[in-house]
Amino acid sequence: MIAARPHVVLVDDEEDLREPVAAYLSEHGLDVSEADGGRALDAVMTQRPAQLVVLDVSMPDEDGFSIAKRLRARPEPVGIIMLTARRDVVDRIEGLEIGADDYIMKPFEPRELLARIRSVLRRIGEHPATNGSRTAAQGDYASEFWIPTGRGQIRVPIDTIEWIEAAKDYALLHTADRAHMLRVTMAALERSLSPSAMVRVHRSAFVSPDAVRSINQVGRNITLVLRSGTSVRVGPQHADEVRQKLGQ
């Protein structure tokens, strides 16, 4: 018996972007439907539920955040990946807080989107048995975070995190294949993270020394390039400490 291909809906009002990406995903083992907005998505989902929706944030009639809220109100689980050209961490946190499983920045490579879709599809239906977040005992450093989601909690070991991006009372924990949102303050993060596991590189960022592939410096500006290809800027006040801890 041949297994059914996962049904994915690509929602974007830009037809020139949507059609070639849908064709690429179809060529790589997914059953892809297209929608140019929330109403078209509703029609598709009424006819045939999807395992995952790829959802553009900026659309004229109804934005992606509103659509994501409606999807999360449905009784059946569905994966959500947000497409966004917005580079502010607060916008990305908003999408994750609503219930998105991942986000990807425009412009993007179709193969990166495919990898993220496959990653979310693998996680759909997982229900960790534990209830409540695990935290380090007083005086100990955390070895893992437990992230609450609509389908239970996800365990994120510290040694899988490449870098942490913080904003207000939230943080994004970036692993090689996705970001997890955690409600936590910078002060609490500093108490939880071992200095050997995560180095403070900016007033709102930590980086794992093991994830650093290279250090680029132009004048006084220092950027760390990570294994995933992500570039993280080093704040001037942290430059000397970063060089020391990374052996530069």
C-alpha atoms as a PDB file:
ATOM      1  CA  MET A   1       0.000   0.000   0.000  1.00  0.00           C
ATOM      2  CA  ILE A   2       1.404   3.414  -0.983  1.00  0.00           C
ATOM      3  CA  ALA A   3       1.338   5.974   1.831  1.00  0.00           C
ATOM      4  CA  ALA A   4      -0.617   9.162   1.139  1.00  0.00           C
ATOM      5  CA  ARG A   5       1.451  12.246   0.510  1.00  0.00           C
ATOM      6  CA  PRO A   6       1.120  14.917   3.222  1.00  0.00           C
ATOM      7  CA  HIS A   7      -1.354  17.608   2.222  1.00  0.00           C
ATOM      8  CA  VAL A   8       0.159  21.102   2.492  1.00  0.00           C
ATOM      9  CA  VAL A   9      -1.581  24.393   1.670  1.00  0.00           C
ATOM     10  CA  LEU A  10       0.562  27.310   0.495  1.00  0.00           C
ATOM     11  CA  VAL A  11      -1.174  30.622   1.263  1.00  0.00           C
ATOM     12  CA  ASP A  12       0.289  33.726  -0.401  1.00  0.00           C
ATOM     13  CA  ASP A  13      -1.327  36.486  -2.436  1.00  0.00           C
ATOM     14  CA  GLU A  14       1.753  36.750  -4.691  1.00  0.00           C
ATOM     15  CA  GLU A  15       1.039  34.309  -7.497  1.00  0.00           C
ATOM     16  CA  ASP A  16       4.531  34.682  -8.993  1.00  0.00           C
ATOM     17  CA  LEU A  17       6.011  33.373  -5.740  1.00  0.00           C
ATOM     18  CA  ARG A  18       3.304  30.876  -4.862  1.00  0.00           C
ATOM     19  CA  GLU A  19       3.160  28.863  -8.096  1.00  0.00           C
ATOM     20  CA  PRO A  20       6.858  27.945  -8.503  1.00  0.00           C
ATOM     21  CA  VAL A  21       7.215  27.136  -4.802  1.00  0.00           C
ATOM     22  CA  ALA A  22       4.111  24.923  -4.936  1.00  0.00           C
ATOM     23  CA  ALA A  23       5.517  23.141  -7.995  1.00  0.00           C
ATOM     24  CA  TYR A  24       8.841  22.545  -6.222  1.00  0.00           C
ATOM     25  CA  LEU A  25       7.162  21.125  -3.114  1.00  0.00           C
ATOM     26  CA  SER A  26       4.959  18.878  -5.265  1.00  0.00           C
ATOM     27  CA  GLU A  27       8.032  17.524  -7.050  1.00  0.00           C
ATOM     28  CA  HIS A  28       9.501  16.588  -3.669  1.00  0.00           C
ATOM     29  CA  GLY A  29       6.759  14.385  -2.272  1.00  0.00           C
ATOM     30  CA  LEU A  30       4.077  16.769  -0.990  1.00  0.00           C
ATOM     31  CA  ASP A  31       0.453  17.110  -2.072  1.00  0.00           C
ATOM     32  CA  VAL A  32       0.213  20.899  -2.402  1.00  0.00           C
ATOM     33  CA  SER A  33      -2.866  23.105  -2.676  1.00  0.00           C
ATOM     34  CA  GLU A  34      -2.650  26.833  -3.304  1.00  0.00           C
ATOM     35  CA  ALA A  35      -4.654  29.694  -1.784  1.00  0.00           C
ATOM     36  CA  ASP A  36      -4.360  33.429  -2.291  1.00  0.00           C
ATOM     37  CA  GLY A  37      -5.829  34.354   1.088  1.00  0.00           C
ATOM     38  CA  GLY A  38      -7.928  33.327   4.077  1.00  0.00           C
ATOM     39  CA  ARG A  39     -11.181  32.685   2.197  1.00  0.00           C
ATOM     40  CA  ALA A  40      -9.489  30.466  -0.373  1.00  0.00           C
ATOM     41  CA  LEU A  41      -7.747  28.585   2.448  1.00  0.00           C
ATOM     42  CA  ASP A  42     -11.085  28.020   4.201  1.00  0.00           C
ATOM     43  CA  ALA A  43     -12.504  26.561   0.987  1.00  0.00           C
ATOM     44  CA  VAL A  44      -9.557  24.200   0.601  1.00  0.00           C
ATOM     45  CA  MET A  45      -9.701  23.072   4.235  1.00  0.00           C
ATOM     46  CA  THR A  46     -13.466  22.453   3.997  1.00  0.00           C
ATOM     47  CA  GLN A  47     -12.942  20.094   1.072  1.00  0.00           C
ATOM     48  CA  ARG A  48      -9.876  18.364   2.470  1.00  0.00           C
ATOM     49  CA  PRO A  49      -8.047  19.079   5.752  1.00  0.00           C
ATOM     50  CA  ALA A  50      -4.315  19.718   5.540  1.00  0.00           C
ATOM     51  CA  GLN A  51      -1.518  18.477   7.759  1.00  0.00           C
ATOM     52  CA  LEU A  52       0.338  21.785   7.388  1.00  0.00           C
ATOM     53  CA  VAL A  53      -0.271  25.356   6.192  1.00  0.00           C
ATOM     54  CA  VAL A  54       2.482  27.640   4.911  1.00  0.00           C
ATOM     55  CA  LEU A  55       1.130  31.100   5.618  1.00  0.00           C
ATOM     56  CA  ASP A  56       2.302  34.511   4.414  1.00  0.00           C
ATOM     57  CA  VAL A  57       2.046  37.221   7.075  1.00  0.00           C
ATOM     58  CA  SER A  58       1.339  40.244   4.837  1.00  0.00           C
ATOM     59  CA  MET A  59      -1.810  39.831   2.733  1.00  0.00           C
ATOM     60  CA  PRO A  60      -4.379  42.498   1.806  1.00  0.00           C
ATOM     61  CA  ASP A  61      -7.692  41.045   3.016  1.00  0.00           C
ATOM     62  CA  GLU A  62      -6.674  39.143   6.160  1.00  0.00           C
ATOM     63  CA  ASP A  63      -3.154  38.973   7.529  1.00  0.00           C
ATOM     64  CA  GLY A  64      -1.381  35.755   8.414  1.00  0.00           C
ATOM     65  CA  PHE A  65      -1.575  36.354  12.165  1.00  0.00           C
ATOM     66  CA  SER A  66      -5.383  36.452  12.027  1.00  0.00           C
ATOM     67  CA  ILE A  67      -5.534  33.335   9.858  1.00  0.00           C
ATOM     68  CA  ALA A  68      -3.151  31.498  12.206  1.00  0.00           C
ATOM     69  CA  LYS A  69      -5.420  32.297  15.162  1.00  0.00           C
ATOM     70  CA  ARG A  70      -8.386  30.793  13.293  1.00  0.00           C
ATOM     71  CA  LEU A  71      -6.395  27.695  12.391  1.00  0.00           C
ATOM     72  CA  ARG A  72      -5.410  27.176  16.020  1.00  0.00           C
ATOM     73  CA  ALA A  73      -9.090  27.439  17.034  1.00  0.00           C
ATOM     74  CA  ARG A  74      -9.973  24.439  14.846  1.00  0.00           C
ATOM     75  CA  PRO A  75     -10.369  21.111  16.698  1.00  0.00           C
ATOM     76  CA  GLU A  76      -7.994  19.181  14.454  1.00  0.00           C
ATOM     77  CA  PRO A  77      -4.220  19.829  14.760  1.00  0.00           C
ATOM     78  CA  VAL A  78      -2.439  21.484  11.850  1.00  0.00           C
ATOM     79  CA  GLY A  79       1.171  22.567  11.423  1.00  0.00           C
ATOM     80  CA  ILE A  80       1.776  26.255  10.653  1.00  0.00           C
ATOM     81  CA  ILE A  81       4.853  27.837   9.081  1.00  0.00           C
ATOM     82  CA  MET A  82       4.804  31.624   8.703  1.00  0.00           C
ATOM     83  CA  LEU A  83       6.384  33.420   5.734  1.00  0.00           C
ATOM     84  CA  THR A  84       7.474  36.938   6.622  1.00  0.00           C
ATOM     85  CA  ALA A  85       9.590  39.746   5.219  1.00  0.00           C
ATOM     86  CA  ARG A  86       9.531  41.439   8.614  1.00  0.00           C
ATOM     87  CA  ARG A  87      12.899  41.268  10.358  1.00  0.00           C
ATOM     88  CA  ASP A  88      11.867  42.521  13.781  1.00  0.00           C
ATOM     89  CA  VAL A  89      12.119  39.763  16.399  1.00  0.00           C
ATOM     90  CA  VAL A  90       8.868  41.007  17.979  1.00  0.00           C
ATOM     91  CA  ASP A  91       6.972  40.161  14.773  1.00  0.00           C
ATOM     92  CA  ARG A  92       8.463  36.684  14.703  1.00  0.00           C
ATOM     93  CA  ILE A  93       7.617  36.162  18.369  1.00  0.00           C
ATOM     94  CA  GLU A  94       4.024  37.254  17.680  1.00  0.00           C
ATOM     95  CA  GLY A  95       3.676  34.503  15.079  1.00  0.00           C
ATOM     96  CA  LEU A  96       5.139  31.864  17.377  1.00  0.00           C
ATOM     97  CA  GLU A  97       3.020  33.050  20.303  1.00  0.00           C
ATOM     98  CA  ILE A  98      -0.145  32.702  18.214  1.00  0.00           C
ATOM     99  CA  GLY A  99       0.796  29.084  17.648  1.00  0.00           C
ATOM    100  CA  ALA A 100       2.997  28.896  14.555  1.00  0.00           C
ATOM    101  CA  ASP A 101       5.397  25.950  14.564  1.00  0.00           C
ATOM    102  CA  ASP A 102       8.113  27.778  12.653  1.00  0.00           C
ATOM    103  CA  TYR A 103       8.793  30.816  10.490  1.00  0.00           C
ATOM    104  CA  ILE A 104      10.968  31.522   7.467  1.00  0.00           C
ATOM    105  CA  MET A 105      12.145  34.890   6.205  1.00  0.00           C
ATOM    106  CA  LYS A 106      11.525  36.116   2.669  1.00  0.00           C
ATOM    107  CA  PRO A 107      13.297  35.784   0.324  1.00  0.00           C
ATOM    108  CA  PHE A 108      13.991  32.077   0.890  1.00  0.00           C
ATOM    109  CA  GLU A 109      15.242  29.034  -0.967  1.00  0.00           C
ATOM    110  CA  PRO A 110      12.480  26.479  -1.710  1.00  0.00           C
ATOM    111  CA  ARG A 111      14.704  23.685  -0.418  1.00  0.00           C
ATOM    112  CA  GLU A 112      14.942  25.459   2.972  1.00  0.00           C
ATOM    113  CA  LEU A 113      11.162  25.695   3.133  1.00  0.00           C
ATOM    114  CA  LEU A 114      10.931  21.997   2.213  1.00  0.00           C
ATOM    115  CA  ALA A 115      13.315  21.090   5.047  1.00  0.00           C
ATOM    116  CA  ARG A 116      11.299  23.116   7.543  1.00  0.00           C
ATOM    117  CA  ILE A 117       8.019  21.566   6.346  1.00  0.00           C
ATOM    118  CA  ARG A 118       9.440  18.062   6.772  1.00  0.00           C
ATOM    119  CA  SER A 119      10.709  18.974  10.246  1.00  0.00           C
ATOM    120  CA  VAL A 120       7.286  20.243  11.386  1.00  0.00           C
ATOM    121  CA  LEU A 121       5.509  17.244   9.855  1.00  0.00           C
ATOM    122  CA  ARG A 122       7.785  14.929  11.848  1.00  0.00           C
ATOM    123  CA  ARG A 123       6.806  16.701  15.058  1.00  0.00           C
ATOM    124  CA  ILE A 124       3.046  16.785  14.466  1.00  0.00           C
ATOM    125  CA  GLY A 125       1.267  14.405  16.807  1.00  0.00           C
ATOM    126  CA  GLU A 126       4.049  14.298  19.398  1.00  0.00           C
ATOM    127  CA  HIS A 127       2.758  14.555  22.966  1.00  0.00           C
ATOM    128  CA  PRO A 128       5.572  14.482  25.578  1.00  0.00           C
ATOM    129  CA  ALA A 129       4.360  12.822  28.750  1.00  0.00           C
ATOM    130  CA  THR A 130       5.695  15.486  31.103  1.00  0.00           C
ATOM    131  CA  ASN A 131       3.522  18.301  32.373  1.00  0.00           C
ATOM    132  CA  GLY A 132       4.978  21.678  33.346  1.00  0.00           C
ATOM    133  CA  SER A 133       8.312  23.274  32.489  1.00  0.00           C
ATOM    134  CA  ARG A 134      11.491  21.818  33.851  1.00  0.00           C
ATOM    135  CA  THR A 135      13.919  24.260  35.388  1.00  0.00           C
ATOM    136  CA  ALA A 136      17.320  23.944  36.959  1.00  0.00           C
ATOM    137  CA  ALA A 137      17.639  23.473  40.682  1.00  0.00           C
ATOM    138  CA  GLN A 138      18.895  26.524  42.560  1.00  0.00           C
ATOM    139  CA  GLY A 139      22.650  26.866  42.014  1.00  0.00           C
ATOM    140  CA  ASP A 140      22.608  24.541  38.982  1.00  0.00           C
ATOM    141  CA  TYR A 141      22.592  25.467  35.304  1.00  0.00           C
ATOM    142  CA  ALA A 142      19.751  24.309  33.080  1.00  0.00           C
ATOM    143  CA  SER A 143      20.548  21.437  30.714  1.00  0.00           C
ATOM    144  CA  GLU A 144      17.301  21.729  28.760  1.00  0.00           C
ATOM    145  CA  PHE A 145      14.203  23.830  28.217  1.00  0.00           C
ATOM    146  CA  TRP A 146      10.645  22.531  27.919  1.00  0.00           C
ATOM    147  CA  ILE A 147       8.585  24.607  25.483  1.00  0.00           C
ATOM    148  CA  PRO A 148       4.762  24.536  25.804  1.00  0.00           C
ATOM    149  CA  THR A 149       2.884  24.091  22.517  1.00  0.00           C
ATOM    150  CA  GLY A 150      -0.677  23.352  21.462  1.00  0.00           C
ATOM    151  CA  ARG A 151       0.251  19.652  21.275  1.00  0.00           C
ATOM    152  CA  GLY A 152       2.043  19.287  24.586  1.00  0.00           C
ATOM    153  CA  GLN A 153       5.628  20.260  25.375  1.00  0.00           C
ATOM    154  CA  ILE A 154       8.812  20.064  23.315  1.00  0.00           C
ATOM    155  CA  ARG A 155      12.118  19.246  25.003  1.00  0.00           C
ATOM    156  CA  VAL A 156      14.988  21.433  23.780  1.00  0.00           C
ATOM    157  CA  PRO A 157      18.399  20.418  25.194  1.00  0.00           C
ATOM    158  CA  ILE A 158      20.835  23.312  25.675  1.00  0.00           C
ATOM    159  CA  ASP A 159      23.469  21.568  23.545  1.00  0.00           C
ATOM    160  CA  THR A 160      21.160  21.657  20.492  1.00  0.00           C
ATOM    161  CA  ILE A 161      20.715  25.453  20.653  1.00  0.00           C
ATOM    162  CA  GLU A 162      22.971  27.518  18.374  1.00  0.00           C
ATOM    163  CA  TRP A 163      21.924  30.913  19.677  1.00  0.00           C
ATOM    164  CA  ILE A 164      19.285  32.696  21.710  1.00  0.00           C
ATOM    165  CA  GLU A 165      17.591  35.918  20.649  1.00  0.00           C
ATOM    166  CA  ALA A 166      15.701  37.787  23.360  1.00  0.00           C
ATOM    167  CA  ALA A 167      13.115  40.572  23.286  1.00  0.00           C
ATOM    168  CA  LYS A 168      11.176  41.941  26.261  1.00  0.00           C
ATOM    169  CA  ASP A 169       9.833  38.934  28.180  1.00  0.00           C
ATOM    170  CA  TYR A 170      10.351  36.396  25.396  1.00  0.00           C
ATOM    171  CA  ALA A 171      13.255  34.574  23.768  1.00  0.00           C
ATOM    172  CA  LEU A 172      13.713  32.598  20.577  1.00  0.00           C
ATOM    173  CA  LEU A 173      15.860  29.488  21.019  1.00  0.00           C
ATOM    174  CA  HIS A 174      17.417  28.806  17.618  1.00  0.00           C
ATOM    175  CA  THR A 175      18.418  25.221  16.856  1.00  0.00           C
ATOM    176  CA  ALA A 176      19.783  24.111  13.484  1.00  0.00           C
ATOM    177  CA  ASP A 177      16.337  23.594  11.955  1.00  0.00           C
ATOM    178  CA  ARG A 178      13.885  25.876  13.756  1.00  0.00           C
ATOM    179  CA  ALA A 179      13.199  28.427  16.490  1.00  0.00           C
ATOM    180  CA  HIS A 180      11.303  27.789  19.734  1.00  0.00           C
ATOM    181  CA  MET A 181       9.628  30.574  21.691  1.00  0.00           C
ATOM    182  CA  LEU A 182      10.036  30.705  25.461  1.00  0.00           C
ATOM    183  CA  ARG A 183       8.547  33.223  27.861  1.00  0.00           C
ATOM    184  CA  VAL A 184      11.558  34.264  29.927  1.00  0.00           C
ATOM    185  CA  THR A 185      13.449  37.424  30.853  1.00  0.00           C
ATOM    186  CA  MET A 186      17.101  38.104  30.029  1.00  0.00           C
ATOM    187  CA  ALA A 187      17.922  38.060  33.744  1.00  0.00           C
ATOM    188  CA  ALA A 188      16.392  34.593  34.126  1.00  0.00           C
ATOM    189  CA  LEU A 189      18.271  33.366  31.059  1.00  0.00           C
ATOM    190  CA  GLU A 190      21.582  34.569  32.461  1.00  0.00           C
ATOM    191  CA  ARG A 191      20.914  32.722  35.708  1.00  0.00           C
ATOM    192  CA  SER A 192      19.990  29.531  33.834  1.00  0.00           C
ATOM    193  CA  LEU A 193      22.758  29.398  31.218  1.00  0.00           C
ATOM    194  CA  SER A 194      26.257  28.139  31.924  1.00  0.00           C
ATOM    195  CA  PRO A 195      28.900  30.620  30.667  1.00  0.00           C
ATOM    196  CA  SER A 196      30.677  27.699  28.995  1.00  0.00           C
ATOM    197  CA  ALA A 197      27.511  26.661  27.130  1.00  0.00           C
ATOM    198  CA  MET A 198      26.301  30.101  26.020  1.00  0.00           C
ATOM    199  CA  VAL A 199      28.310  33.307  25.598  1.00  0.00           C
ATOM    200  CA  ARG A 200      26.617  36.706  25.854  1.00  0.00           C
ATOM    201  CA  VAL A 201      27.436  38.455  22.563  1.00  0.00           C
ATOM    202  CA  HIS A 202      24.909  41.271  22.583  1.00  0.00           C
ATOM    203  CA  ARG A 203      22.522  42.905  25.037  1.00  0.00           C
ATOM    204  CA  SER A 204      19.807  40.634  23.586  1.00  0.00           C
ATOM    205  CA  ALA A 205      21.703  37.570  22.297  1.00  0.00           C
ATOM    206  CA  PHE A 206      23.659  34.516  23.469  1.00  0.00           C
ATOM    207  CA  VAL A 207      25.664  32.171  21.222  1.00  0.00           C
ATOM    208  CA  SER A 208      26.949  28.630  21.745  1.00  0.00           C
ATOM    209  CA  PRO A 209      30.753  28.601  21.241  1.00  0.00           C
ATOM    210  CA  ASP A 210      30.454  25.147  19.646  1.00  0.00           C
ATOM    211  CA  ALA A 211      28.139  26.566  16.971  1.00  0.00           C
ATOM    212  CA  VAL A 212      30.568  29.268  15.803  1.00  0.00           C
ATOM    213  CA  ARG A 213      32.085  28.451  12.401  1.00  0.00           C
ATOM    214  CA  SER A 214      33.980  31.703  11.828  1.00  0.00           C
ATOM    215  CA  ILE A 215      34.429  35.235  13.131  1.00  0.00           C
ATOM    216  CA  ASN A 216      34.279  38.096  10.653  1.00  0.00           C
ATOM    217  CA  GLN A 217      35.577  41.527  11.566  1.00  0.00           C
ATOM    218  CA  VAL A 218      35.351  44.683   9.466  1.00  0.00           C
ATOM    219  CA  GLY A 219      36.741  47.651  11.361  1.00  0.00           C
ATOM    220  CA  ARG A 220      35.113  47.526  14.788  1.00  0.00           C
ATOM    221  CA  ASN A 221      32.159  45.449  13.616  1.00  0.00           C
ATOM    222  CA  ILE A 222      32.319  41.763  14.559  1.00  0.00           C
ATOM    223  CA  THR A 223      29.943  39.097  13.262  1.00  0.00           C
ATOM    224  CA  LEU A 224      29.811  35.428  14.230  1.00  0.00           C
ATOM    225  CA  VAL A 225      28.889  32.972  11.477  1.00  0.00           C
ATOM    226  CA  LEU A 226      27.240  29.836  12.854  1.00  0.00           C
ATOM    227  CA  ARG A 227      27.078  26.275  11.512  1.00  0.00           C
ATOM    228  CA  SER A 228      23.599  26.901  10.127  1.00  0.00           C
ATOM    229  CA  GLY A 229      24.884  29.903   8.155  1.00  0.00           C
ATOM    230  CA  THR A 230      23.214  32.422  10.475  1.00  0.00           C
ATOM    231  CA  SER A 231      25.180  35.608  11.187  1.00  0.00           C
ATOM    232  CA  VAL A 232      24.961  37.114  14.681  1.00  0.00           C
ATOM    233  CA  ARG A 233      26.308  40.577  15.440  1.00  0.00           C
ATOM    234  CA  VAL A 234      28.571  41.078  18.460  1.00  0.00           C
ATOM    235  CA  GLY A 235      27.856  44.185  20.527  1.00  0.00           C
ATOM    236  CA  PRO A 236      30.875  46.483  21.108  1.00  0.00           C
ATOM    237  CA  GLN A 237      30.648  46.110  24.883  1.00  0.00           C
ATOM    238  CA  HIS A 238      30.913  42.316  24.565  1.00  0.00           C
ATOM    239  CA  ALA A 239      33.653  42.142  21.903  1.00  0.00           C
ATOM    240  CA  ASP A 240      36.615  41.581  24.257  1.00  0.00           C
ATOM    241  CA  GLU A 241      34.790  38.895  26.250  1.00  0.00           C
ATOM    242  CA  VAL A 242      33.711  37.117  23.053  1.00  0.00           C
ATOM    243  CA  ARG A 243      37.263  37.114  21.654  1.00  0.00           C
ATOM    244  CA  GLN A 244      38.593  35.743  24.931  1.00  0.00           C
ATOM    245  CA  LYS A 245      36.032  32.970  25.267  1.00  0.00           C
ATOM    246  CA  LEU A 246      36.288  31.970  21.590  1.00  0.00           C
ATOM    247  CA  GLY A 247      40.066  31.962  21.664  1.00  0.00           C
ATOM    248  CA  GLN A 248      40.532  34.845  19.217  1.00  0.00           C
END
